[in-house]
Structure formats: C-alpha cells, structure tokens
Amino acid sequence: MTILAQITDLHQRPNGLTCYRVSDTNMLAERAINALMAQTPRPDAVIVTGDLTDKSDPREYAQVRRLLKKLPMPVYVIPGNHDGSADMARELAEFAPDNVGLDGKLHYVAEVGKLRLIALDTHVPGKPHGEIGTLQLEWLAGELAASDKPTVVALHHPPIPTGFAHMDRIGLVDAAALAEVLRPHAHVERIICGHVHRPIIASFAGKTLTIAPATGHQVVLDLDPEAPAQFNFDPAAYYLHAWIEPFGLVTHTAYVENHEGPFPFWADEGVSWGG
C-alpha cells in the first residue's frame, strides 16, 4: 500500500499573530502535523496544496519550515493564492523540487511509491483567482504522456464550481483547458485541491476530484448564492489517499482532533457483530 497524505490551507502567520483576528492558524496547523506523525501506518509522503502562508511573509515561511521539518517522510508543497511562487521556490526549496518554468510557475513530478504525483502552480501574482497558463499546461500534457503510472494531480484552485459563490468567483479561470489535457489519460487516478476550506467530492474531466478541508478554520456551509464569505471552526481534517492493490486509489478523511475511543464492536451479550 502507498499512502499520500494531503493537508492544505495552513495560513501560517508570524509568531504571536492570528489569522482574521480569531483563527490561531499556527496552533491549528501544529496540531495537524502532530496528528500526521501519530498516523499508523505513517504516510509515505505529504503534499501541502497551497496557502501555506497568509501573506507570503518570510516570517510565515519560517514558521512553515519549522512545522514541515518535524515530518519524517518526504513533504511536497505548491503555492496557493496567499503564497508566492518565487517566494515559495526560495523559502521552501527543500520541499519543492527545483523546477520553475519559463512562466515563473513552480511545478514538478515526484514519485511516491506506486503513485506519481504531478504538482501544479495556480498562483497569479496579486490576484485571488487561479490560472495554470499555457506553458504549464503544455508541460503537464508532456508529463502525462511520458508515463502511464497511476497519477495524482495536485493544484490549489479547484477547476469546478463548488456552490460557494464567494469562492467560485476566485476559482480556476482556465479549467476548460485543464480538462482537455486531463480527459484522455485514464491513469490520472485523482485530482486533489485545496482553497475552499471544505471537504468536497466531484467529477472533473472524467476523473474523481477531491477538495480537502483546511487544517484550521473552515468555510461556512451555506450554498445560498447571496451567502457572505464567513468561516467557522468545524472539525479540522486532512486526507489520506491510499493506493490499494489491486483496486486503486481510495481517499480517507482523517480528523485532527482526538475523540473518544477506540471501542471494540461487542454487543452487550458479548457477541461480536463487526462494523
């Protein structure tokens, strides 16, 4: 079995500062890292799908480095709209293979056991929406054609509408072009995203797409088109994408907080009924 863990939207701040006045994202991300380290079996690698920082501040990247260095497995990062591609390539070089394209996008391929991870950069300087761009899409097409190994494609901005109008307005602008590149390749097992701060499952270009919840605050679940942009503290979680032979890729939601249990499945009469 190969296990690729995914955390997202850490929104780290300089020490002593909170995010949006009330979200202690530094503490919440530390809890997520500790939960990952306690996971059994430990993941083979971790991908962080963007918004590692809140303002792409060098002090925030220092906080990210401190956290990610605690993890004993390989860790990979991609930029979100709150990060910066050049800043991340400079400040977190040890967690992102040195592959910055001619368009300034940070993208790369990593081998994770039975899986091939293709990491994309959707950051647009100074803008909240995402864009992959023509050069990076051409690079992606070449990488997908180069190998038929089971592949996970990671990007920050989801290429789908989520029903959250305030988030969809800052989604991926070239989603249709991405679909054209991905659709012919049956070995793309999963498209994984962040950005929305909610657990969401959808289909895109004939593939399964998952959006991971944040390690800290979550977007309020309100699908009214006029709903304001608000967050709450619904349970923080992360994903475990497990390659299980001979079936394929299965995605599990793991919660950061500890809850009561475990308890055995035993009836009062002492008879086990399983799950």
Protein backbone atom coordinates (compact mmCIF):
# COMPACT_ATOMS: atom_id res chain seq x y z
CA MET A 1 0.00 0.00 0.00
CA THR A 2 1.13 3.55 -0.79
CA ILE A 3 -0.31 6.40 1.30
CA LEU A 4 -0.11 10.03 0.22
CA ALA A 5 -1.34 12.42 2.91
CA GLN A 6 -2.76 15.80 1.98
CA ILE A 7 -3.04 18.85 4.19
CA THR A 8 -3.98 22.28 2.94
CA ASP A 9 -4.55 25.95 3.72
CA LEU A 10 -2.34 26.30 6.79
CA HIS A 11 -2.37 30.13 6.57
CA GLN A 12 0.65 30.50 8.84
CA ARG A 13 1.26 33.87 10.48
CA PRO A 14 4.29 35.45 12.15
CA ASN A 15 4.65 34.21 15.73
CA GLY A 16 2.05 35.74 18.02
CA LEU A 17 -0.36 36.80 15.27
CA THR A 18 -3.69 35.21 14.40
CA CYS A 19 -5.46 34.94 11.05
CA TYR A 20 -8.55 37.11 10.54
CA ARG A 21 -8.21 38.20 14.18
CA VAL A 22 -9.63 34.99 15.74
CA SER A 23 -8.11 31.95 13.97
CA ASP A 24 -4.93 30.69 15.64
CA THR A 25 -3.76 29.01 12.45
CA ASN A 26 -0.24 28.39 13.77
CA MET A 27 -1.53 26.31 16.66
CA LEU A 28 -4.10 24.56 14.49
CA ALA A 29 -1.52 23.61 11.85
CA GLU A 30 0.80 22.28 14.55
CA ARG A 31 -1.98 20.01 15.75
CA ALA A 32 -2.44 18.71 12.21
CA ILE A 33 1.28 17.97 11.89
CA ASN A 34 1.22 16.10 15.21
CA ALA A 35 -1.80 14.09 14.02
CA LEU A 36 0.04 13.15 10.83
CA MET A 37 3.03 11.98 12.85
CA ALA A 38 0.76 9.81 15.00
CA GLN A 39 -0.98 8.25 11.99
CA THR A 40 -0.43 4.49 11.65
CA PRO A 41 0.88 3.41 9.32
CA ARG A 42 2.68 6.65 8.61
CA PRO A 43 2.08 8.12 5.15
CA ASP A 44 4.78 7.61 2.56
CA ALA A 45 4.72 11.31 1.69
CA VAL A 46 2.76 14.50 2.40
CA ILE A 47 1.54 17.08 -0.13
CA VAL A 48 0.51 20.55 1.08
CA THR A 49 -1.86 22.00 -1.51
CA GLY A 50 -1.34 25.72 -1.13
CA ASP A 51 -1.91 28.69 1.15
CA LEU A 52 0.85 27.59 3.48
CA THR A 53 1.24 31.24 4.44
CA ASP A 54 -1.30 34.01 4.81
CA LYS A 55 0.68 36.87 3.28
CA SER A 56 3.81 35.23 1.78
CA ASP A 57 5.82 36.85 4.58
CA PRO A 58 9.36 35.47 5.22
CA ARG A 59 8.42 35.09 8.89
CA GLU A 60 5.47 32.93 7.85
CA TYR A 61 7.68 30.75 5.67
CA ALA A 62 9.99 30.31 8.66
CA GLN A 63 7.04 29.03 10.65
CA VAL A 64 6.13 26.65 7.79
CA ARG A 65 9.70 25.32 7.63
CA ARG A 66 9.69 24.66 11.37
CA LEU A 67 6.47 22.66 11.11
CA LEU A 68 7.27 20.66 7.99
CA LYS A 69 10.73 19.70 9.25
CA LYS A 70 9.02 17.75 12.03
CA LEU A 71 7.70 15.27 9.48
CA PRO A 72 9.97 12.25 8.87
CA MET A 73 8.59 11.47 5.40
CA PRO A 74 9.08 13.43 2.13
CA VAL A 75 6.98 16.61 2.02
CA TYR A 76 5.95 18.47 -1.13
CA VAL A 77 4.41 21.93 -1.42
CA ILE A 78 2.64 24.03 -4.05
CA PRO A 79 1.60 27.69 -3.92
CA GLY A 80 -1.88 29.00 -3.27
CA ASN A 81 -3.22 32.48 -3.83
CA HIS A 82 -1.94 33.61 -0.41
CA ASP A 83 1.60 32.41 -1.18
CA GLY A 84 4.01 33.48 -3.91
CA SER A 85 5.59 31.18 -6.47
CA ALA A 86 9.01 32.86 -6.36
CA ASP A 87 8.83 33.26 -2.58
CA MET A 88 8.00 29.60 -2.11
CA ALA A 89 10.70 28.41 -4.50
CA ARG A 90 13.20 30.45 -2.50
CA GLU A 91 11.95 29.93 1.06
CA LEU A 92 10.79 26.29 0.83
CA ALA A 93 13.19 24.91 -1.77
CA GLU A 94 13.76 21.72 0.24
CA PHE A 95 10.05 20.85 -0.08
CA ALA A 96 9.64 21.68 -3.78
CA PRO A 97 11.94 20.17 -6.42
CA ASP A 98 13.78 22.84 -8.36
CA ASN A 99 11.51 23.18 -11.37
CA VAL A 100 10.33 26.72 -12.04
CA GLY A 101 9.15 27.07 -15.63
CA LEU A 102 9.71 29.92 -18.05
CA ASP A 103 6.42 31.41 -16.88
CA GLY A 104 7.63 31.54 -13.27
CA LYS A 105 5.34 28.70 -12.23
CA LEU A 106 6.56 26.15 -9.67
CA HIS A 107 5.68 22.68 -10.95
CA TYR A 108 7.26 19.26 -10.69
CA VAL A 109 6.84 15.48 -10.63
CA ALA A 110 7.53 13.29 -7.60
CA GLU A 111 7.46 9.51 -7.29
CA VAL A 112 5.59 8.30 -4.19
CA GLY A 113 5.67 4.52 -4.05
CA LYS A 114 3.11 3.17 -6.52
CA LEU A 115 1.92 6.70 -7.31
CA ARG A 116 3.21 9.51 -9.47
CA LEU A 117 2.49 12.99 -8.10
CA ILE A 118 2.25 15.92 -10.53
CA ALA A 119 2.22 19.25 -8.71
CA LEU A 120 0.85 22.33 -10.47
CA ASP A 121 1.07 26.04 -9.68
CA THR A 122 -2.12 28.11 -9.97
CA HIS A 123 -0.82 31.25 -8.24
CA VAL A 124 -1.45 34.57 -10.01
CA PRO A 125 0.63 37.42 -8.50
CA GLY A 126 -1.57 39.92 -6.71
CA LYS A 127 -4.82 38.12 -7.57
CA PRO A 128 -7.03 35.70 -5.59
CA HIS A 129 -8.13 33.58 -8.57
CA GLY A 130 -6.04 30.80 -10.09
CA GLU A 131 -4.58 30.13 -13.52
CA ILE A 132 -2.36 27.34 -14.79
CA GLY A 133 -1.29 29.01 -18.02
CA THR A 134 -0.45 27.73 -21.49
CA LEU A 135 3.19 26.82 -20.83
CA GLN A 136 2.40 24.82 -17.72
CA LEU A 137 -0.48 23.03 -19.46
CA GLU A 138 1.89 22.04 -22.27
CA TRP A 139 4.35 20.75 -19.69
CA LEU A 140 1.53 18.79 -17.97
CA ALA A 141 0.48 17.21 -21.27
CA GLY A 142 4.04 16.05 -21.87
CA GLU A 143 4.37 14.57 -18.39
CA LEU A 144 1.06 12.71 -18.66
CA ALA A 145 2.12 11.24 -21.99
CA ALA A 146 5.52 10.22 -20.62
CA SER A 147 4.23 7.65 -18.12
CA ASP A 148 1.10 5.61 -17.53
CA LYS A 149 1.88 5.09 -13.83
CA PRO A 150 -1.14 5.83 -11.57
CA THR A 151 -1.06 9.59 -11.18
CA VAL A 152 -2.34 12.17 -8.70
CA VAL A 153 -2.55 15.76 -9.98
CA ALA A 154 -2.34 18.40 -7.25
CA LEU A 155 -3.31 22.06 -7.54
CA HIS A 156 -4.60 24.72 -5.17
CA HIS A 157 -7.59 26.22 -7.01
CA PRO A 158 -10.33 23.68 -7.85
CA PRO A 159 -11.38 23.62 -11.52
CA ILE A 160 -15.06 23.12 -10.57
CA PRO A 161 -17.90 25.24 -9.19
CA THR A 162 -18.46 24.39 -5.53
CA GLY A 163 -21.72 26.22 -4.85
CA PHE A 164 -19.94 28.74 -2.63
CA ALA A 165 -20.39 31.85 -4.78
CA HIS A 166 -17.77 33.88 -2.94
CA MET A 167 -15.20 31.11 -3.50
CA ASP A 168 -16.23 30.28 -7.06
CA ARG A 169 -15.58 33.90 -8.04
CA ILE A 170 -11.91 33.27 -7.23
CA GLY A 171 -11.64 29.82 -8.78
CA LEU A 172 -9.51 28.50 -11.65
CA VAL A 173 -10.02 30.56 -14.82
CA ASP A 174 -8.60 28.02 -17.29
CA ALA A 175 -10.46 24.95 -16.01
CA ALA A 176 -11.72 24.05 -19.50
CA ALA A 177 -8.18 23.94 -20.87
CA LEU A 178 -7.10 21.73 -17.98
CA ALA A 179 -9.98 19.35 -18.68
CA GLU A 180 -8.84 18.97 -22.29
CA VAL A 181 -5.37 17.95 -21.14
CA LEU A 182 -6.55 15.52 -18.45
CA ARG A 183 -9.51 13.83 -20.16
CA PRO A 184 -7.59 11.43 -22.46
CA HIS A 185 -5.44 9.98 -19.66
CA ALA A 186 -7.08 7.10 -17.83
CA HIS A 187 -4.12 6.74 -15.47
CA VAL A 188 -4.99 10.02 -13.70
CA GLU A 189 -6.47 8.49 -10.56
CA ARG A 190 -7.23 11.64 -8.62
CA ILE A 191 -7.22 15.43 -8.85
CA ILE A 192 -6.61 16.95 -5.41
CA CYS A 193 -7.15 20.58 -4.44
CA GLY A 194 -7.37 22.99 -1.51
CA HIS A 195 -8.52 26.62 -1.42
CA VAL A 196 -12.17 26.11 -0.39
CA HIS A 197 -11.66 25.08 3.26
CA ARG A 198 -14.32 22.33 2.98
CA PRO A 199 -14.31 18.59 2.16
CA ILE A 200 -15.84 18.28 -1.32
CA ILE A 201 -16.01 15.44 -3.88
CA ALA A 202 -16.82 15.96 -7.57
CA SER A 203 -16.14 14.65 -11.05
CA PHE A 204 -13.95 16.61 -13.47
CA ALA A 205 -12.78 15.59 -16.94
CA GLY A 206 -13.95 12.05 -16.21
CA LYS A 207 -11.80 11.84 -13.07
CA THR A 208 -12.53 11.93 -9.36
CA LEU A 209 -11.72 15.28 -7.80
CA THR A 210 -11.41 15.90 -4.07
CA ILE A 211 -11.07 19.18 -2.21
CA ALA A 212 -9.53 18.82 1.23
CA PRO A 213 -10.67 20.68 4.35
CA ALA A 214 -8.26 23.13 5.95
CA THR A 215 -6.10 22.40 8.96
CA GLY A 216 -7.66 25.43 10.68
CA HIS A 217 -10.85 27.38 10.04
CA GLN A 218 -13.44 26.15 7.54
CA VAL A 219 -15.76 27.98 5.14
CA VAL A 220 -19.34 28.08 6.43
CA LEU A 221 -21.51 25.51 4.63
CA ASP A 222 -24.08 27.85 3.09
CA LEU A 223 -24.99 27.29 -0.57
CA ASP A 224 -27.20 30.37 -0.85
CA PRO A 225 -25.84 32.38 -3.82
CA GLU A 226 -26.01 35.51 -1.66
CA ALA A 227 -24.25 33.95 1.32
CA PRO A 228 -21.47 36.13 2.75
CA ALA A 229 -17.87 34.97 2.98
CA GLN A 230 -17.65 33.59 6.50
CA PHE A 231 -15.71 30.91 8.33
CA ASN A 232 -16.18 28.77 11.42
CA PHE A 233 -14.34 26.08 13.34
CA ASP A 234 -15.94 22.92 12.04
CA PRO A 235 -13.63 19.95 12.75
CA ALA A 236 -10.26 20.24 11.02
CA ALA A 237 -9.23 17.27 8.91
CA TYR A 238 -6.84 16.00 6.27
CA TYR A 239 -6.93 13.36 3.54
CA LEU A 240 -5.14 10.06 3.18
CA HIS A 241 -5.02 8.93 -0.46
CA ALA A 242 -4.26 5.20 -0.27
CA TRP A 243 -3.25 3.10 -3.27
CA ILE A 244 -4.68 -0.36 -2.51
CA GLU A 245 -3.78 -3.24 -4.81
CA PRO A 246 -5.43 -4.43 -6.97
CA PHE A 247 -8.30 -1.92 -6.68
CA GLY A 248 -6.72 1.50 -6.99
CA LEU A 249 -6.88 4.80 -5.11
CA VAL A 250 -9.12 5.22 -2.04
CA THR A 251 -9.37 8.51 -0.16
CA HIS A 252 -9.98 8.65 3.60
CA THR A 253 -10.84 11.66 5.77
CA ALA A 254 -8.80 11.79 8.98
CA TYR A 255 -9.72 14.22 11.74
CA VAL A 256 -7.11 16.28 13.55
CA GLU A 257 -8.84 16.27 16.94
CA ASN A 258 -8.82 13.23 19.21
CA HIS A 259 -12.24 11.80 20.05
CA GLU A 260 -13.45 9.14 22.47
CA GLY A 261 -12.44 5.57 21.65
CA PRO A 262 -11.46 3.26 20.18
CA PHE A 263 -14.03 0.76 21.43
CA PRO A 264 -14.42 -2.84 20.22
CA PHE A 265 -17.54 -3.85 18.26
CA TRP A 266 -19.07 -6.02 21.01
CA ALA A 267 -22.77 -6.34 21.77
CA ASP A 268 -23.98 -6.30 25.37
CA GLU A 269 -24.23 -10.08 25.27
CA GLY A 270 -20.57 -10.39 24.34
CA VAL A 271 -21.23 -11.29 20.70
CA SER A 272 -19.19 -9.51 18.06
CA TRP A 273 -21.18 -8.17 15.11
CA GLY A 274 -18.33 -6.44 13.31
CA GLY A 275 -18.80 -2.96 11.83
